[in-house]
Amino acid sequence: MRTTADFSTRPLWWNGTSLSDPDGDALPSKVDVLIVGSGFTGSSAALEVARSGRSVAVVEAQNLGFGSSSRNFGYIGGGIGKPRLAKRHPGERGEAMGRAYPDAADFVMQLLERESIDAEVRSEGLSILAHTPDIFAHLAKDADAPANRELGVEAIRSEEVFDNVIASRRFHGAVVNPDAKALNPGKYVDGMIKAARRHGALFVANAEALSIAGSPGNWTIRTNKGVVQAKQIGLGTNGHSGKLFQFLRKRIVPVVGTVIATEELDTDFVRSLFPKLTWFTDTQFGFLCFRPSPDHKRVIFAKAGLPGSFSGDPRPNAARVFKEMTATLPQLADVKIQHAWPGSVGVTFDGAPHLGVHEGVHFAAGYNGSGVAMASYLGYWMGRRLIGDTSNELVFEQAPFPTHFLYNGSTWFMPALRVLLNHLKLQV
């Protein structure tokens, strides 16, 4: 893997934002609501609380928006057939989960319009690439469902993929959903923070929550920047929940991934690789995600399920992702990489996100790769709960949040799981 002279481990998505700015608001001594974490969940919750007229502050252990939200791939939605959770959870609960995902995607688009956030939304669609013939047959059957035909979803046979979807011989067919959307996650997080601030929210950077004491109506939160009193607390820490938030830490498995972005390329060359300019995902374990950048000048490529940690040096994993990229698109073998950064996906044991209250502390977490839409949506509902709105109970509040007796928050088992699933050729 060759890199540019200005190679950076800073996410490409931070360009044109204030996310790397270490400055923030001063820590208040007292607020109605304190929220921990400034990603999609925490920012969406803070925005809703501030819009209600309550005082709200967000504390972030790093620079604002530092975590996985601003390192996300930016997919808003666009799956086909009956959503995954509706299959995994048969019955009305699964059906209700399935209906919530389009609602969450619609919520994001409405929020962007209402708050005038320019997050570089692109509507070129999603291509799901099958890595076996059997999986393509399964995807094609889903694509033929009446609801998907109405959206214009089409199945593309393997011999037609190269000329019509992606200039690659690696896949055994594709299903294209032209209705899907993607955005720039860095500009989205930055835009939500700025919108919440316009409504009166405070965002305190580099303020790690160290301890919490008290009960609803009278919480005391100690941070490395001082102490704040709050009536309510909300957690937006998801897969970055530390030992202070052991309840979440034991229920979310952070799956590490790495994203690389090429140097700027000729737009005609990028279009030759991606005739429809869609964003892509495949069906193997440690799935690949890739897309042209919103300006169509770069290729952005990611792989999940890699070794290492979120805080580690991303360059060894970047070399692995580059190998996958060039195996998929040999035309990129001589291209230099300008950005590489780590990210993680918060995975739950039941595959579902959860919204609730534990020992008086509100939380929304566990988005399983659907963070842009579901974190924004459940963050909004956490905000509603924090201001006392108990109406419209969501399906994600109606079941226990499971853990596993062998899991304590450490992902010691991931290397063995990775080897096993790759050996069995299982998809996720």
Protein backbone atom coordinates (compact mmCIF):
# COMPACT_ATOMS: atom_id res chain seq x y z
CA MET A 1 0.00 0.00 0.00
CA ARG A 2 1.40 3.37 -1.03
CA THR A 3 0.37 6.54 0.76
CA THR A 4 0.42 10.20 -0.15
CA ALA A 5 2.96 12.60 1.33
CA ASP A 6 0.18 14.10 3.47
CA PHE A 7 -1.25 10.73 4.57
CA SER A 8 -3.44 11.15 7.66
CA THR A 9 -5.15 8.94 10.22
CA ARG A 10 -7.69 11.75 10.63
CA PRO A 11 -11.04 10.76 9.08
CA LEU A 12 -11.75 12.27 5.67
CA TRP A 13 -15.22 13.10 7.01
CA TRP A 14 -13.77 15.67 9.43
CA ASN A 15 -12.64 17.92 6.57
CA GLY A 16 -14.73 21.08 6.46
CA THR A 17 -16.05 20.57 10.03
CA SER A 18 -15.09 21.72 13.51
CA LEU A 19 -14.95 18.15 14.88
CA SER A 20 -11.18 18.18 15.47
CA ASP A 21 -11.42 21.47 17.37
CA PRO A 22 -10.56 20.77 21.04
CA ASP A 23 -12.54 23.78 22.24
CA GLY A 24 -16.08 23.52 23.52
CA ASP A 25 -18.42 25.17 25.98
CA ALA A 26 -17.62 25.58 29.66
CA LEU A 27 -19.03 22.95 31.99
CA PRO A 28 -22.16 24.32 33.71
CA SER A 29 -22.70 23.75 37.40
CA LYS A 30 -26.34 22.73 36.96
CA VAL A 31 -28.63 21.60 34.10
CA ASP A 32 -31.96 19.90 33.66
CA VAL A 33 -30.37 17.14 31.54
CA LEU A 34 -26.81 15.89 31.18
CA ILE A 35 -25.96 13.66 28.22
CA VAL A 36 -22.75 11.64 27.95
CA GLY A 37 -21.43 11.24 24.40
CA SER A 38 -21.63 13.63 21.43
CA GLY A 39 -22.21 11.25 18.50
CA PHE A 40 -25.45 10.60 16.64
CA THR A 41 -27.31 9.46 19.77
CA GLY A 42 -26.19 12.15 22.19
CA SER A 43 -26.41 15.02 19.70
CA SER A 44 -29.89 14.00 18.54
CA ALA A 45 -31.07 13.69 22.15
CA ALA A 46 -29.54 17.04 23.12
CA LEU A 47 -31.15 18.71 20.12
CA GLU A 48 -34.60 17.47 21.13
CA VAL A 49 -34.15 18.40 24.81
CA ALA A 50 -32.94 21.88 23.85
CA ARG A 51 -35.86 22.37 21.46
CA SER A 52 -38.20 21.68 24.39
CA GLY A 53 -36.72 24.62 26.32
CA ARG A 54 -34.91 22.57 28.97
CA SER A 55 -31.28 23.24 29.81
CA VAL A 56 -29.00 20.49 28.53
CA ALA A 57 -25.26 19.86 28.42
CA VAL A 58 -23.34 17.14 26.58
CA VAL A 59 -20.00 15.95 27.95
CA GLU A 60 -17.56 14.21 25.62
CA ALA A 61 -14.37 12.47 26.76
CA GLN A 62 -12.55 13.50 23.55
CA ASN A 63 -13.02 16.25 20.98
CA LEU A 64 -16.67 16.70 20.04
CA GLY A 65 -17.95 13.96 17.74
CA PHE A 66 -14.68 12.03 18.13
CA GLY A 67 -16.16 8.52 18.27
CA SER A 68 -17.53 6.11 15.73
CA SER A 69 -20.42 8.30 14.54
CA SER A 70 -18.13 10.71 12.68
CA ARG A 71 -16.10 7.74 11.33
CA ASN A 72 -19.22 5.99 10.07
CA PHE A 73 -19.74 5.02 6.43
CA GLY A 74 -22.76 7.27 6.11
CA TYR A 75 -25.47 4.82 5.01
CA ILE A 76 -28.95 6.06 5.88
CA GLY A 77 -30.84 2.96 4.80
CA GLY A 78 -31.88 0.95 1.81
CA GLY A 79 -32.04 -2.76 2.61
CA ILE A 80 -34.39 -4.95 0.62
CA GLY A 81 -37.03 -7.50 1.40
CA LYS A 82 -38.21 -8.06 4.94
CA PRO A 83 -35.67 -6.34 7.20
CA ARG A 84 -33.19 -8.56 8.99
CA LEU A 85 -34.76 -8.10 12.43
CA ALA A 86 -38.20 -9.03 11.18
CA LYS A 87 -36.72 -12.37 10.13
CA ARG A 88 -34.74 -12.87 13.33
CA HIS A 89 -37.66 -11.94 15.61
CA PRO A 90 -40.77 -13.59 14.12
CA GLY A 91 -44.19 -12.21 14.91
CA GLU A 92 -45.52 -8.74 15.59
CA ARG A 93 -42.37 -7.60 17.44
CA GLY A 94 -40.20 -8.35 14.44
CA GLU A 95 -42.69 -6.75 12.07
CA ALA A 96 -42.71 -3.61 14.24
CA MET A 97 -38.92 -3.51 14.18
CA GLY A 98 -38.98 -3.82 10.41
CA ARG A 99 -41.36 -0.88 10.11
CA ALA A 100 -39.18 1.27 12.37
CA TYR A 101 -36.18 1.30 10.04
CA PRO A 102 -37.82 3.24 7.18
CA ASP A 103 -39.30 5.55 9.83
CA ALA A 104 -35.80 6.17 11.18
CA ALA A 105 -34.44 6.96 7.71
CA ASP A 106 -37.31 9.37 7.11
CA PHE A 107 -36.61 11.00 10.48
CA VAL A 108 -33.02 11.75 9.43
CA MET A 109 -34.15 13.43 6.22
CA GLN A 110 -36.73 15.51 8.11
CA LEU A 111 -34.14 16.55 10.71
CA LEU A 112 -31.70 17.63 8.00
CA GLU A 113 -34.36 19.76 6.33
CA ARG A 114 -35.73 21.26 9.55
CA GLU A 115 -32.31 22.28 10.88
CA SER A 116 -30.85 23.22 7.44
CA ILE A 117 -27.93 20.79 7.80
CA ASP A 118 -25.89 20.22 4.64
CA ALA A 119 -24.62 16.67 5.14
CA GLU A 120 -23.92 16.00 1.45
CA VAL A 121 -26.80 13.56 1.06
CA ARG A 122 -26.54 11.43 -2.05
CA SER A 123 -29.41 9.40 -3.49
CA GLU A 124 -27.63 7.20 -6.02
CA GLY A 125 -28.79 4.01 -4.26
CA LEU A 126 -27.38 0.86 -2.70
CA SER A 127 -25.91 -2.23 -4.36
CA ILE A 128 -25.80 -5.43 -2.31
CA LEU A 129 -23.13 -7.72 -3.78
CA ALA A 130 -23.49 -11.50 -3.41
CA HIS A 131 -20.32 -13.47 -2.71
CA THR A 132 -21.92 -16.85 -3.54
CA PRO A 133 -24.50 -17.94 -6.15
CA ASP A 134 -26.83 -19.22 -3.42
CA ILE A 135 -26.85 -15.87 -1.68
CA PHE A 136 -27.59 -14.11 -4.96
CA ALA A 137 -30.59 -16.40 -5.48
CA HIS A 138 -31.81 -15.45 -2.00
CA LEU A 139 -31.32 -11.73 -2.64
CA ALA A 140 -33.01 -11.93 -6.04
CA LYS A 141 -36.06 -13.54 -4.45
CA ASP A 142 -36.29 -10.65 -1.96
CA ALA A 143 -35.88 -8.16 -4.79
CA ASP A 144 -38.90 -9.66 -6.54
CA ALA A 145 -41.23 -8.85 -3.64
CA PRO A 146 -43.99 -6.40 -4.69
CA ALA A 147 -42.85 -3.63 -2.34
CA ASN A 148 -39.32 -3.79 -3.74
CA ARG A 149 -40.51 -3.85 -7.35
CA GLU A 150 -42.42 -0.64 -6.61
CA LEU A 151 -39.14 0.96 -5.47
CA GLY A 152 -37.40 -0.11 -8.65
CA VAL A 153 -35.19 -2.72 -6.97
CA GLU A 154 -33.58 -5.00 -9.52
CA ALA A 155 -31.46 -8.13 -9.44
CA ILE A 156 -28.37 -8.04 -11.68
CA ARG A 157 -26.91 -11.38 -12.77
CA SER A 158 -23.18 -12.02 -12.37
CA GLU A 159 -22.39 -11.64 -16.07
CA GLU A 160 -24.01 -8.18 -16.07
CA VAL A 161 -22.46 -6.83 -12.87
CA PHE A 162 -19.20 -5.60 -14.42
CA ASP A 163 -20.80 -3.31 -16.99
CA ASN A 164 -23.82 -2.21 -14.98
CA VAL A 165 -22.95 -2.08 -11.27
CA ILE A 166 -19.24 -2.32 -10.45
CA ALA A 167 -16.21 -3.00 -12.64
CA SER A 168 -15.30 -6.13 -10.68
CA ARG A 169 -15.34 -9.88 -11.41
CA ARG A 170 -15.45 -10.79 -7.71
CA PHE A 171 -19.18 -11.16 -7.15
CA HIS A 172 -21.94 -13.58 -8.14
CA GLY A 173 -24.63 -11.03 -8.80
CA ALA A 174 -26.03 -7.91 -7.22
CA VAL A 175 -29.28 -6.38 -6.12
CA VAL A 176 -29.62 -2.63 -6.62
CA ASN A 177 -32.00 -0.45 -4.63
CA PRO A 178 -32.13 3.00 -6.28
CA ASP A 179 -34.13 4.42 -3.37
CA ALA A 180 -31.28 4.24 -0.82
CA LYS A 181 -29.38 7.27 0.45
CA ALA A 182 -26.04 8.05 2.07
CA LEU A 183 -24.48 11.15 3.63
CA ASN A 184 -21.26 12.59 5.00
CA PRO A 185 -21.37 11.48 8.66
CA GLY A 186 -18.83 14.04 9.85
CA LYS A 187 -20.85 16.94 8.48
CA TYR A 188 -24.01 15.34 9.89
CA VAL A 189 -22.64 15.12 13.45
CA ASP A 190 -21.15 18.59 13.18
CA GLY A 191 -24.46 19.94 11.87
CA MET A 192 -26.46 18.37 14.70
CA ILE A 193 -24.09 19.79 17.32
CA LYS A 194 -24.38 23.26 15.81
CA ALA A 195 -28.17 22.95 15.57
CA ALA A 196 -28.44 21.88 19.22
CA ARG A 197 -26.24 24.78 20.23
CA ARG A 198 -28.49 27.20 18.35
CA HIS A 199 -31.35 25.92 20.51
CA GLY A 200 -29.31 26.46 23.70
CA ALA A 201 -27.50 23.14 24.31
CA LEU A 202 -23.96 23.17 25.68
CA PHE A 203 -21.26 20.79 24.41
CA VAL A 204 -18.23 20.28 26.65
CA ALA A 205 -15.22 18.73 24.94
CA ASN A 206 -12.54 16.62 26.65
CA ALA A 207 -14.73 16.20 29.72
CA GLU A 208 -14.73 12.54 30.73
CA ALA A 209 -17.47 11.41 33.11
CA LEU A 210 -15.67 9.87 36.09
CA SER A 211 -18.48 9.10 38.52
CA ILE A 212 -22.24 9.39 38.90
CA ALA A 213 -24.08 9.56 42.21
CA GLY A 214 -27.63 10.29 43.27
CA SER A 215 -30.97 9.47 41.70
CA PRO A 216 -33.41 10.93 39.16
CA GLY A 217 -34.08 14.56 39.97
CA ASN A 218 -30.82 14.92 41.90
CA TRP A 219 -27.81 13.52 40.06
CA THR A 220 -24.20 14.55 40.69
CA ILE A 221 -21.78 13.87 37.84
CA ARG A 222 -18.06 14.32 38.38
CA THR A 223 -15.88 14.94 35.32
CA ASN A 224 -12.21 15.80 34.90
CA LYS A 225 -13.39 19.38 34.29
CA GLY A 226 -15.53 19.66 37.40
CA VAL A 227 -18.88 18.64 38.87
CA VAL A 228 -22.35 19.21 37.44
CA GLN A 229 -25.78 18.68 38.97
CA ALA A 230 -28.56 17.32 36.73
CA LYS A 231 -32.15 16.21 37.06
CA GLN A 232 -31.80 13.54 34.36
CA ILE A 233 -28.92 11.69 32.67
CA GLY A 234 -28.84 10.16 29.18
CA LEU A 235 -26.13 7.91 27.75
CA GLY A 236 -25.09 8.14 24.10
CA THR A 237 -21.90 6.11 24.52
CA ASN A 238 -22.98 2.96 22.61
CA GLY A 239 -19.90 0.82 21.79
CA HIS A 240 -17.61 3.29 23.58
CA SER A 241 -19.18 2.68 26.99
CA GLY A 242 -16.39 2.40 29.57
CA LYS A 243 -16.36 0.72 32.95
CA LEU A 244 -18.41 3.54 34.46
CA PHE A 245 -21.31 2.37 32.29
CA GLN A 246 -20.90 -1.35 32.85
CA PHE A 247 -24.57 -2.07 32.08
CA LEU A 248 -24.06 -1.03 28.45
CA ARG A 249 -20.51 -2.30 28.23
CA LYS A 250 -21.66 -5.87 28.99
CA ARG A 251 -24.39 -5.74 26.35
CA ILE A 252 -22.62 -4.24 23.33
CA VAL A 253 -19.77 -5.88 21.43
CA PRO A 254 -17.64 -3.26 19.62
CA VAL A 255 -16.59 -4.78 16.29
CA VAL A 256 -13.55 -2.93 14.98
CA GLY A 257 -13.27 -1.85 11.38
CA THR A 258 -10.96 0.32 9.30
CA VAL A 259 -11.78 2.78 6.54
CA ILE A 260 -9.40 3.99 3.83
CA ALA A 261 -9.85 6.82 1.34
CA THR A 262 -7.83 7.20 -1.82
CA GLU A 263 -6.16 10.32 -3.08
CA GLU A 264 -8.28 12.46 -5.39
CA LEU A 265 -8.91 10.71 -8.70
CA ASP A 266 -10.35 11.70 -12.04
CA THR A 267 -14.15 11.66 -11.75
CA ASP A 268 -14.49 9.85 -15.09
CA PHE A 269 -12.25 7.09 -13.73
CA VAL A 270 -14.40 6.79 -10.59
CA ARG A 271 -17.52 6.63 -12.76
CA SER A 272 -15.93 3.85 -14.83
CA LEU A 273 -15.56 1.79 -11.64
CA PHE A 274 -19.08 2.49 -10.38
CA PRO A 275 -21.47 2.97 -13.35
CA LYS A 276 -24.44 3.71 -11.09
CA LEU A 277 -22.38 5.59 -8.45
CA THR A 278 -24.20 3.63 -5.74
CA TRP A 279 -22.76 2.73 -2.39
CA PHE A 280 -21.97 -0.94 -1.83
CA THR A 281 -21.99 -3.68 0.73
CA ASP A 282 -21.35 -7.39 0.37
CA THR A 283 -22.62 -10.45 2.20
CA GLN A 284 -19.54 -12.13 3.67
CA PHE A 285 -18.40 -12.19 7.29
CA GLY A 286 -16.32 -9.10 8.02
CA PHE A 287 -18.40 -7.50 5.28
CA LEU A 288 -16.96 -4.93 2.91
CA CYS A 289 -18.44 -1.47 2.45
CA PHE A 290 -17.33 0.93 -0.24
CA ARG A 291 -18.55 3.97 -2.07
CA PRO A 292 -17.43 6.89 -4.17
CA SER A 293 -16.98 10.01 -2.07
CA PRO A 294 -19.87 12.50 -2.25
CA ASP A 295 -17.92 14.58 -4.79
CA HIS A 296 -17.10 11.43 -6.83
CA LYS A 297 -13.35 12.14 -6.62
CA ARG A 298 -12.27 9.32 -4.31
CA VAL A 299 -12.96 5.70 -3.50
CA ILE A 300 -13.72 5.00 0.16
CA PHE A 301 -13.39 1.39 1.26
CA ALA A 302 -13.95 -0.31 4.63
CA LYS A 303 -13.89 -3.71 6.25
CA ALA A 304 -15.26 -4.75 9.62
CA GLY A 305 -14.25 -7.62 11.91
CA LEU A 306 -10.53 -6.76 11.89
CA PRO A 307 -8.02 -7.37 14.70
CA GLY A 308 -6.88 -4.58 17.00
CA SER A 309 -8.71 -1.85 18.86
CA PHE A 310 -10.43 1.41 18.10
CA SER A 311 -7.58 3.38 19.66
CA GLY A 312 -4.77 1.50 17.89
CA ASP A 313 -2.69 2.49 14.87
CA PRO A 314 -4.96 1.96 11.83
CA ARG A 315 -2.14 1.46 9.33
CA PRO A 316 -1.73 -2.35 9.66
CA ASN A 317 -5.46 -2.80 9.14
CA ALA A 318 -5.40 -0.21 6.37
CA ALA A 319 -3.00 -2.47 4.47
CA ARG A 320 -5.49 -5.35 4.88
CA VAL A 321 -8.33 -3.16 3.61
CA PHE A 322 -6.19 -2.03 0.66
CA LYS A 323 -5.64 -5.69 -0.22
CA GLU A 324 -9.41 -6.26 -0.21
CA MET A 325 -9.94 -3.12 -2.28
CA THR A 326 -7.50 -4.16 -4.99
CA ALA A 327 -8.82 -7.72 -4.98
CA THR A 328 -12.23 -6.19 -5.68
CA LEU A 329 -11.02 -3.48 -8.05
CA PRO A 330 -7.55 -4.29 -9.49
CA GLN A 331 -7.75 -0.99 -11.36
CA LEU A 332 -6.86 0.73 -8.05
CA ALA A 333 -3.59 -1.17 -7.49
CA ASP A 334 -1.41 1.89 -8.19
CA VAL A 335 -3.59 4.41 -6.37
CA LYS A 336 -2.26 6.05 -3.22
CA ILE A 337 -4.13 6.16 0.07
CA GLN A 338 -4.55 9.58 1.69
CA HIS A 339 -6.65 8.76 4.77
CA ALA A 340 -7.06 5.70 7.00
CA TRP A 341 -8.98 5.64 10.25
CA PRO A 342 -10.51 3.13 12.69
CA GLY A 343 -14.15 2.79 13.54
CA SER A 344 -16.37 0.31 15.28
CA VAL A 345 -19.87 -1.13 15.08
CA GLY A 346 -21.84 -1.70 18.28
CA VAL A 347 -23.36 -5.18 18.03
CA THR A 348 -25.95 -6.55 20.46
CA PHE A 349 -26.61 -10.19 21.36
CA ASP A 350 -30.15 -10.10 19.97
CA GLY A 351 -29.25 -8.03 16.91
CA ALA A 352 -31.62 -5.23 17.96
CA PRO A 353 -31.08 -1.69 19.22
CA HIS A 354 -32.43 -0.83 22.65
CA LEU A 355 -33.94 2.21 24.33
CA GLY A 356 -34.59 2.27 28.05
CA VAL A 357 -33.69 3.23 31.59
CA HIS A 358 -31.27 1.44 33.92
CA GLU A 359 -31.11 2.46 37.57
CA GLY A 360 -32.60 5.82 36.66
CA VAL A 361 -30.20 6.55 33.78
CA HIS A 362 -31.64 6.72 30.25
CA PHE A 363 -29.86 5.08 27.32
CA ALA A 364 -30.18 4.33 23.61
CA ALA A 365 -27.62 1.97 22.09
CA GLY A 366 -26.77 -1.06 19.97
CA TYR A 367 -27.41 -0.16 16.33
CA ASN A 368 -25.71 -3.12 14.64
CA GLY A 369 -24.49 -1.16 11.62
CA SER A 370 -27.54 1.09 11.19
CA GLY A 371 -26.18 3.96 13.26
CA VAL A 372 -26.97 6.95 11.06
CA ALA A 373 -30.70 6.26 11.05
CA MET A 374 -31.33 4.34 14.26
CA ALA A 375 -29.00 6.30 16.56
CA SER A 376 -30.55 9.55 15.36
CA TYR A 377 -34.07 8.19 15.75
CA LEU A 378 -33.59 6.55 19.15
CA GLY A 379 -31.51 9.50 20.30
CA TYR A 380 -34.53 11.68 19.55
CA TRP A 381 -36.77 9.34 21.57
CA MET A 382 -34.27 9.26 24.42
CA GLY A 383 -34.52 13.05 24.39
CA ARG A 384 -38.30 12.80 24.57
CA ARG A 385 -38.07 10.41 27.53
CA LEU A 386 -35.59 12.72 29.28
CA ILE A 387 -38.13 15.55 29.23
CA GLY A 388 -40.88 13.30 30.57
CA ASP A 389 -42.68 12.19 27.40
CA THR A 390 -43.84 8.61 28.06
CA SER A 391 -46.14 8.34 25.05
CA ASN A 392 -45.79 6.05 22.06
CA GLU A 393 -43.76 3.22 23.58
CA LEU A 394 -41.38 1.88 20.94
CA VAL A 395 -40.78 -1.78 20.17
CA PHE A 396 -37.13 -1.27 21.17
CA GLU A 397 -38.26 -0.55 24.74
CA GLN A 398 -40.39 -3.66 25.08
CA ALA A 399 -37.85 -6.43 25.72
CA PRO A 400 -34.91 -7.01 28.09
CA PHE A 401 -31.48 -5.92 26.89
CA PRO A 402 -29.60 -9.25 26.83
CA THR A 403 -26.00 -9.95 27.72
CA HIS A 404 -24.01 -13.21 27.91
CA PHE A 405 -22.52 -14.71 31.04
CA LEU A 406 -19.12 -15.11 29.31
CA TYR A 407 -18.97 -11.49 28.17
CA ASN A 408 -17.70 -8.72 30.44
CA GLY A 409 -17.00 -6.04 27.84
CA SER A 410 -13.70 -7.48 26.61
CA THR A 411 -13.68 -8.80 23.02
CA TRP A 412 -11.14 -11.54 23.79
CA PHE A 413 -13.14 -14.00 21.66
CA MET A 414 -13.08 -12.02 18.41
CA PRO A 415 -9.92 -13.56 16.86
CA ALA A 416 -11.25 -17.10 17.38
CA LEU A 417 -14.71 -16.12 16.11
CA ARG A 418 -13.19 -14.51 13.02
CA VAL A 419 -11.22 -17.65 12.16
CA LEU A 420 -14.22 -19.93 12.76
CA LEU A 421 -16.69 -17.93 10.66
CA ASN A 422 -14.24 -17.46 7.80
CA HIS A 423 -13.56 -21.21 7.84
CA LEU A 424 -17.28 -21.97 7.71
CA LYS A 425 -17.83 -19.30 5.03
CA LEU A 426 -20.71 -17.79 6.99
CA GLN A 427 -22.22 -14.45 6.13
CA VAL A 428 -23.68 -11.92 8.55
